[in-house]
Amino acid sequence: MSEAPSTAPTCYLHPSRETLIKCSRCERPICTSCMNDASIGHQCPECVKEGRRGQRPARTAFGGSRAGQLGYVTISIVVINTLVMVASAVIGGVGAIAGSSQWFGLLGSGTSVTDWGEVLGLALYPDGQLHGIANGEWYRLFTGMFLHYGVLHLLLNMMLVLQLGRYLEAQLGPLRFAALYLLAGFGGNVAAYLFQAPNQPSAGASTATFGLVIAVIVVNRRMMRDSSQLIPLLVINLIFTFTVPGISIAGHLGGLVAGAAASAALVYANQPNRAVKQAIGCAAILLVLVIAAVARTQSLLG
């Protein structure tokens, strides 16, 4: 006596497995290995993938990616600054780490690395060559924010980057945080170029870190969070700026102003087209800084 063939449906991914379960979305039969819990019933793997493709990625309150919570940009900034410091020490020797006459000997001396990339308006070097931004070395307005005179100088700035950067990157997202950091650093370097003596060099991430301090205050104000703990930090840094010899006052204040403007452009832009408004705001700040640097160059060469 032969048995009647089974008429039970089989899983569309595993034809050898009989099942009475159906995908609640496409209604194809699925086995227990393939089913995924859904708000109503179960879904097959293909419908789950399709649903995920149709979902909008999670965003921060200001339109940035949630990947900023991982702090990759902040960590990259610290790594880049540290590697540049290592290169400067390797080329310049122990004196690049500490031992200069400034800050009670705690600062390091300049090296060929800092000479190449520090913010410098225009100066005649001992070898008779003319160097500086006004001489066409525009890259100094960017590289200056990644150079430091000694390990103490580096540590002070990187501590602030780690403390403030992780928070800001999580709130703004990686791309917007990177734009904020670079605009603040660039703005501080442009200010140093504008208001320092042409032959007075300066360098350091402090132009950017001043921008981060004010940016946290701007972000918290927009989100109606308390920023009272940031005020003493800002005041202490300003006192430090105006009282310790050898500090670039223009660079710090320039970074503060540029950071405030960039953070405001990022957090006060509303929908619709928020990303476009943020991009336009940051581009406008960059344009103003470039125009100011061009005008300074013309005045030095004229």
Protein backbone atom coordinates (compact mmCIF):
# COMPACT_ATOMS: atom_id res chain seq x y z
CA MET A 1 0.00 0.00 0.00
CA SER A 2 1.62 3.25 -1.10
CA GLU A 3 1.35 6.59 0.69
CA ALA A 4 -0.20 9.59 -0.99
CA PRO A 5 2.38 12.30 -1.87
CA SER A 6 2.49 15.22 0.55
CA THR A 7 0.71 18.36 -0.55
CA ALA A 8 2.16 20.57 2.19
CA PRO A 9 3.99 23.62 0.83
CA THR A 10 7.77 23.77 1.10
CA CYS A 11 10.08 26.64 1.98
CA TYR A 12 10.99 28.57 -1.16
CA LEU A 13 14.63 28.70 -0.03
CA HIS A 14 14.74 25.12 1.30
CA PRO A 15 12.51 22.94 -0.96
CA SER A 16 13.10 19.85 1.16
CA ARG A 17 11.45 21.42 4.23
CA GLU A 18 7.68 21.40 4.55
CA THR A 19 6.13 24.39 6.25
CA LEU A 20 2.84 26.06 6.96
CA ILE A 21 4.40 29.43 7.66
CA LYS A 22 4.14 32.23 5.12
CA CYS A 23 5.92 35.54 4.78
CA SER A 24 3.44 38.21 5.86
CA ARG A 25 4.75 40.52 3.13
CA CYS A 26 5.16 38.38 -0.02
CA GLU A 27 3.18 35.34 1.22
CA ARG A 28 5.81 32.85 0.07
CA PRO A 29 6.21 29.78 2.33
CA ILE A 30 9.23 29.92 4.66
CA CYS A 31 10.65 27.51 7.19
CA THR A 32 11.60 28.32 10.78
CA SER A 33 15.22 28.87 9.74
CA CYS A 34 14.25 31.58 7.27
CA MET A 35 11.53 33.42 9.15
CA ASN A 36 12.21 36.78 10.81
CA ASP A 37 9.89 38.25 13.40
CA ALA A 38 7.98 41.28 12.14
CA SER A 39 5.46 43.64 13.73
CA ILE A 40 2.78 41.46 12.15
CA GLY A 41 3.68 37.81 11.56
CA HIS A 42 7.00 36.80 10.01
CA GLN A 43 9.00 37.92 6.99
CA CYS A 44 11.38 36.08 4.67
CA PRO A 45 15.06 37.14 4.35
CA GLU A 46 14.52 38.88 1.00
CA CYS A 47 11.64 41.01 2.30
CA VAL A 48 13.70 41.95 5.36
CA LYS A 49 16.56 43.13 3.09
CA GLU A 50 14.13 45.04 0.90
CA GLY A 51 12.62 46.74 3.92
CA ARG A 52 16.02 47.78 5.21
CA ARG A 53 16.92 49.31 1.84
CA GLY A 54 13.80 51.44 2.01
CA GLN A 55 14.51 52.75 5.49
CA ARG A 56 16.12 56.15 5.90
CA PRO A 57 19.38 56.01 7.88
CA ALA A 58 19.24 57.36 11.41
CA ARG A 59 20.35 61.00 11.69
CA THR A 60 21.35 63.34 14.48
CA ALA A 61 19.29 66.37 15.43
CA PHE A 62 21.31 68.40 12.91
CA GLY A 63 21.14 65.97 10.01
CA GLY A 64 24.46 64.19 10.54
CA SER A 65 25.17 60.49 10.47
CA ARG A 66 24.91 58.52 13.71
CA ALA A 67 28.31 57.08 12.85
CA GLY A 68 29.69 60.15 14.61
CA GLN A 69 29.12 58.34 17.91
CA LEU A 70 32.13 56.18 17.05
CA GLY A 71 34.39 59.24 17.03
CA TYR A 72 36.43 58.26 13.99
CA VAL A 73 37.11 61.87 12.92
CA THR A 74 38.18 62.88 16.43
CA ILE A 75 40.54 59.92 16.70
CA SER A 76 41.93 60.62 13.22
CA ILE A 77 42.70 64.23 14.19
CA VAL A 78 44.62 63.07 17.25
CA VAL A 79 46.52 60.43 15.25
CA ILE A 80 47.48 62.88 12.48
CA ASN A 81 48.72 65.49 14.95
CA THR A 82 50.68 62.87 16.87
CA LEU A 83 52.32 61.46 13.74
CA VAL A 84 53.34 64.95 12.62
CA MET A 85 54.85 65.56 16.08
CA VAL A 86 56.77 62.28 15.82
CA ALA A 87 58.09 63.28 12.40
CA SER A 88 59.14 66.67 13.76
CA ALA A 89 60.95 65.03 16.70
CA VAL A 90 62.70 62.49 14.47
CA ILE A 91 63.95 65.24 12.18
CA GLY A 92 64.60 67.87 14.83
CA GLY A 93 65.91 65.72 17.66
CA VAL A 94 65.21 66.01 21.39
CA GLY A 95 64.94 69.77 21.19
CA ALA A 96 61.74 69.43 19.18
CA ILE A 97 60.07 67.77 22.20
CA ALA A 98 61.01 70.26 24.94
CA GLY A 99 63.77 72.55 26.04
CA SER A 100 63.17 75.89 24.35
CA SER A 101 63.38 79.20 26.19
CA GLN A 102 59.59 79.64 26.16
CA TRP A 103 57.12 78.40 28.77
CA PHE A 104 59.90 77.68 31.28
CA GLY A 105 61.58 75.32 28.85
CA LEU A 106 58.50 73.13 28.41
CA LEU A 107 57.99 73.96 24.75
CA GLY A 108 59.96 72.35 21.97
CA SER A 109 61.98 74.20 19.40
CA GLY A 110 61.10 74.55 15.76
CA THR A 111 62.30 72.03 13.20
CA SER A 112 62.41 71.86 9.44
CA VAL A 113 58.89 70.36 9.66
CA THR A 114 57.48 73.34 11.58
CA ASP A 115 59.50 75.75 9.42
CA TRP A 116 57.83 74.25 6.36
CA GLY A 117 54.22 74.30 7.57
CA GLU A 118 53.77 76.91 10.32
CA VAL A 119 51.67 80.02 9.74
CA LEU A 120 54.05 82.69 8.47
CA GLY A 121 53.19 85.87 6.61
CA LEU A 122 56.45 86.74 4.90
CA ALA A 123 60.04 86.36 6.06
CA LEU A 124 63.56 86.23 4.65
CA TYR A 125 65.32 83.04 5.80
CA PRO A 126 69.05 82.93 6.64
CA ASP A 127 69.73 81.15 3.35
CA GLY A 128 68.43 84.21 1.53
CA GLN A 129 65.15 82.62 0.42
CA LEU A 130 61.79 84.34 0.93
CA HIS A 131 59.08 82.20 2.54
CA GLY A 132 55.55 82.72 3.76
CA ILE A 133 51.92 82.76 2.74
CA ALA A 134 52.36 86.02 0.86
CA ASN A 135 55.08 84.29 -1.17
CA GLY A 136 52.59 81.75 -2.48
CA GLU A 137 52.80 79.17 0.35
CA TRP A 138 49.06 79.14 0.94
CA TYR A 139 49.13 75.62 2.32
CA ARG A 140 50.46 77.08 5.60
CA LEU A 141 46.94 78.27 6.45
CA PHE A 142 45.96 74.59 6.57
CA THR A 143 49.09 72.77 7.77
CA GLY A 144 49.63 75.16 10.67
CA MET A 145 46.78 73.55 12.63
CA PHE A 146 48.55 70.16 12.63
CA LEU A 147 51.97 71.32 13.84
CA HIS A 148 53.12 71.75 17.45
CA TYR A 149 56.15 73.09 19.26
CA GLY A 150 56.86 70.23 21.62
CA VAL A 151 54.96 67.43 23.34
CA LEU A 152 53.36 69.65 26.00
CA HIS A 153 51.90 71.86 23.28
CA LEU A 154 50.53 68.75 21.56
CA LEU A 155 49.11 67.19 24.73
CA LEU A 156 47.25 70.33 25.82
CA ASN A 157 45.53 70.59 22.46
CA MET A 158 44.79 66.90 21.98
CA MET A 159 43.21 66.64 25.44
CA LEU A 160 40.70 69.27 24.38
CA VAL A 161 40.14 67.59 21.02
CA LEU A 162 39.33 64.29 22.74
CA GLN A 163 37.11 65.86 25.40
CA LEU A 164 35.11 68.12 23.11
CA GLY A 165 35.48 66.41 19.76
CA ARG A 166 33.78 63.15 20.73
CA TYR A 167 30.73 65.05 21.97
CA LEU A 168 30.51 67.35 18.96
CA GLU A 169 31.07 64.56 16.45
CA ALA A 170 28.25 62.55 18.03
CA GLN A 171 25.90 65.55 17.83
CA LEU A 172 26.84 66.81 14.36
CA GLY A 173 27.97 63.65 12.57
CA PRO A 174 31.45 63.01 11.12
CA LEU A 175 31.24 65.22 8.01
CA ARG A 176 29.79 68.26 9.75
CA PHE A 177 32.20 67.94 12.66
CA ALA A 178 35.16 67.75 10.27
CA ALA A 179 33.91 70.90 8.52
CA LEU A 180 33.60 72.68 11.87
CA TYR A 181 37.10 71.67 12.98
CA LEU A 182 38.77 72.67 9.72
CA LEU A 183 36.93 75.97 9.46
CA ALA A 184 37.83 76.91 13.04
CA GLY A 185 41.48 76.00 12.51
CA PHE A 186 41.62 77.74 9.14
CA GLY A 187 39.88 80.80 10.54
CA GLY A 188 42.36 81.06 13.40
CA ASN A 189 45.28 80.75 11.01
CA VAL A 190 43.86 83.44 8.73
CA ALA A 191 43.45 85.73 11.75
CA ALA A 192 47.07 85.10 12.71
CA TYR A 193 48.09 85.95 9.16
CA LEU A 194 46.05 89.15 9.24
CA PHE A 195 47.08 90.56 12.61
CA GLN A 196 50.49 89.15 13.50
CA ALA A 197 53.77 90.58 12.28
CA PRO A 198 54.55 89.03 8.88
CA ASN A 199 57.74 87.41 10.18
CA GLN A 200 56.10 86.03 13.35
CA PRO A 201 55.45 82.27 12.98
CA SER A 202 52.74 80.36 14.82
CA ALA A 203 51.31 76.85 14.79
CA GLY A 204 49.12 74.50 16.77
CA ALA A 205 45.65 73.00 16.91
CA SER A 206 44.59 75.60 19.47
CA THR A 207 42.98 77.67 16.71
CA ALA A 208 40.65 74.72 16.13
CA THR A 209 40.20 73.79 19.80
CA PHE A 210 39.04 77.32 20.64
CA GLY A 211 36.43 76.81 17.95
CA LEU A 212 35.39 73.51 19.56
CA VAL A 213 34.89 75.13 22.96
CA ILE A 214 32.51 77.75 21.60
CA ALA A 215 30.85 75.17 19.35
CA VAL A 216 29.83 73.05 22.35
CA ILE A 217 28.21 76.13 23.87
CA VAL A 218 26.37 76.91 20.61
CA VAL A 219 25.21 73.31 20.18
CA ASN A 220 24.02 73.04 23.78
CA ARG A 221 22.19 76.35 23.54
CA ARG A 222 20.39 75.14 20.41
CA MET A 223 19.44 71.89 22.17
CA MET A 224 18.50 73.74 25.37
CA ARG A 225 21.20 72.03 27.41
CA ASP A 226 23.25 73.52 30.21
CA SER A 227 26.67 74.86 29.19
CA SER A 228 27.68 76.47 32.47
CA GLN A 229 30.55 73.99 32.94
CA LEU A 230 32.08 75.22 29.65
CA ILE A 231 32.28 78.87 30.69
CA PRO A 232 35.18 78.38 33.17
CA LEU A 233 37.09 76.41 30.51
CA LEU A 234 36.62 79.22 28.00
CA VAL A 235 37.60 81.91 30.52
CA ILE A 236 40.72 80.00 31.63
CA ASN A 237 41.83 79.56 28.04
CA LEU A 238 41.28 83.24 27.31
CA ILE A 239 43.28 84.25 30.40
CA PHE A 240 46.00 81.84 29.30
CA THR A 241 45.94 83.40 25.83
CA PHE A 242 46.39 86.98 27.04
CA THR A 243 48.88 86.39 29.86
CA VAL A 244 51.36 83.74 28.68
CA PRO A 245 54.11 85.06 26.37
CA GLY A 246 54.44 83.53 22.93
CA ILE A 247 50.73 82.73 22.50
CA SER A 248 49.05 83.71 19.24
CA ILE A 249 46.25 85.92 20.51
CA ALA A 250 44.94 86.56 17.01
CA GLY A 251 44.98 82.84 16.20
CA HIS A 252 43.02 81.87 19.31
CA LEU A 253 40.42 84.60 18.92
CA GLY A 254 40.14 83.92 15.20
CA GLY A 255 39.47 80.26 15.88
CA LEU A 256 36.88 81.24 18.46
CA VAL A 257 35.01 83.50 16.03
CA ALA A 258 35.25 81.08 13.10
CA GLY A 259 34.11 78.17 15.30
CA ALA A 260 31.13 80.16 16.56
CA ALA A 261 30.12 81.10 13.01
CA ALA A 262 30.55 77.57 11.64
CA SER A 263 28.67 75.90 14.49
CA ALA A 264 25.83 78.41 14.17
CA ALA A 265 25.60 77.70 10.44
CA LEU A 266 25.38 73.98 11.17
CA VAL A 267 22.92 73.92 14.07
CA TYR A 268 20.55 76.75 13.16
CA ALA A 269 19.87 75.58 9.61
CA ASN A 270 16.34 74.16 9.48
CA GLN A 271 14.39 71.97 7.09
CA PRO A 272 13.63 71.95 4.22
CA ASN A 273 16.99 71.52 2.46
CA ARG A 274 18.90 71.71 5.73
CA ALA A 275 22.04 70.10 4.29
CA VAL A 276 22.12 72.63 1.45
CA LYS A 277 21.73 75.53 3.88
CA GLN A 278 24.53 74.14 6.06
CA ALA A 279 26.82 73.77 3.05
CA ILE A 280 26.08 77.31 1.89
CA GLY A 281 26.72 78.69 5.38
CA CYS A 282 30.09 76.93 5.70
CA ALA A 283 31.06 77.90 2.15
CA ALA A 284 30.25 81.54 2.89
CA ILE A 285 32.50 81.50 5.96
CA LEU A 286 35.31 79.94 3.93
CA LEU A 287 34.87 82.53 1.19
CA VAL A 288 35.12 85.42 3.66
CA LEU A 289 38.30 83.94 5.13
CA VAL A 290 39.87 83.45 1.71
CA ILE A 291 39.02 87.01 0.67
CA ALA A 292 40.59 88.33 3.88
CA ALA A 293 43.77 86.29 3.27
CA VAL A 294 44.00 87.55 -0.32
CA ALA A 295 43.60 91.14 0.84
CA ARG A 296 46.38 90.65 3.42
CA THR A 297 48.64 89.21 0.76
CA GLN A 298 48.08 92.18 -1.52
CA SER A 299 48.85 94.59 1.33
CA LEU A 300 52.12 92.81 2.12
CA LEU A 301 53.25 92.67 -1.48
CA GLY A 302 52.02 96.14 -2.35
